[in-house]
Structure formats: C-alpha cells, structure tokens
Amino acid sequence: MLNESFIVLTIGASLIANFGLLANNEAVVIGAMVVAPWILPLRVTVFAVLSGKPGCCHDH
C-alpha cells in the first residue's frame, strides 16, 4: 500500500493542513482531508450507499 503516489498525497495533504492551521482557515484543513489518500475507502462507501448499492462496498 505504500507506493509513491500514496506517499506524495500524504505529504501533500499534510502540507496543506499545516498551511490551513497556520492561516487559521478551516476550509483549507478540510481541503487537505479531501486530498488525503486514506479518505478513498470512505468516499467509495458513501457513494455506494447513496447510489443504493451498499453491497458493492465489500468483497464477496
């Protein structure tokens, strides 16, 4: 799971979050959460539930 893109996205999200904290800007911190690669499973689950197909979230 630790490939180059995961590490780059994690470092980028960390930098964005730090800038948001330094600027006291909540929107930038939330933006960092969207960029973070570990949010992908949550996005997939929410999309599946909202589209009415919650069964497609897990392996059979």
Protein backbone atom coordinates (compact mmCIF):
# COMPACT_ATOMS: atom_id res chain seq x y z
CA MET A 1 0.00 0.00 0.00
CA LEU A 2 2.98 2.32 0.45
CA ASN A 3 3.64 3.31 -3.12
CA GLU A 4 4.95 6.59 -4.46
CA SER A 5 1.57 8.21 -5.10
CA PHE A 6 0.33 7.34 -1.59
CA ILE A 7 3.39 8.94 -0.01
CA VAL A 8 3.20 12.04 -2.22
CA LEU A 9 -0.52 12.52 -1.49
CA THR A 10 0.05 12.03 2.24
CA ILE A 11 2.87 14.59 2.34
CA GLY A 12 0.84 17.00 0.20
CA ALA A 13 -2.21 16.65 2.44
CA SER A 14 -0.01 17.23 5.49
CA LEU A 15 1.46 20.39 3.99
CA ILE A 16 -1.96 21.71 3.01
CA ALA A 17 -3.32 21.01 6.51
CA ASN A 18 -0.34 22.76 8.10
CA PHE A 19 -0.83 25.83 5.92
CA GLY A 20 -4.51 25.83 6.84
CA LEU A 21 -3.68 25.67 10.53
CA LEU A 22 -1.12 28.45 10.26
CA ALA A 23 -3.62 30.61 8.35
CA ASN A 24 -6.41 29.69 10.79
CA ASN A 25 -8.54 28.64 7.82
CA GLU A 26 -10.90 25.70 8.37
CA ALA A 27 -11.73 25.35 4.68
CA VAL A 28 -8.10 24.66 3.79
CA VAL A 29 -7.85 22.00 6.51
CA ILE A 30 -10.99 20.31 5.15
CA GLY A 31 -9.47 20.52 1.67
CA ALA A 32 -6.43 18.66 2.98
CA MET A 33 -8.73 15.88 4.17
CA VAL A 34 -10.19 15.57 0.68
CA VAL A 35 -6.70 15.29 -0.86
CA ALA A 36 -5.57 12.66 1.65
CA PRO A 37 -5.41 9.17 0.08
CA TRP A 38 -6.81 7.36 3.11
CA ILE A 39 -10.20 9.01 2.61
CA LEU A 40 -10.84 6.95 -0.56
CA PRO A 41 -12.49 3.97 1.22
CA LEU A 42 -14.88 6.35 2.95
CA ARG A 43 -15.74 8.08 -0.34
CA VAL A 44 -16.41 4.72 -2.01
CA THR A 45 -18.67 3.60 0.84
CA VAL A 46 -20.65 6.85 0.89
CA PHE A 47 -21.09 6.79 -2.88
CA ALA A 48 -22.26 3.18 -2.80
CA VAL A 49 -24.78 3.85 -0.04
CA LEU A 50 -26.10 7.00 -1.71
CA SER A 51 -26.46 5.23 -5.04
CA GLY A 52 -28.46 2.46 -3.37
CA LYS A 53 -25.87 -0.29 -3.84
CA PRO A 54 -24.30 -0.81 -0.40
CA GLY A 55 -23.40 -4.39 -1.30
CA CYS A 56 -20.71 -3.25 -3.72
CA CYS A 57 -18.56 -1.87 -0.85
CA HIS A 58 -17.11 -5.17 0.28
CA ASP A 59 -15.54 -8.22 -1.29
CA HIS A 60 -17.76 -11.24 -1.78
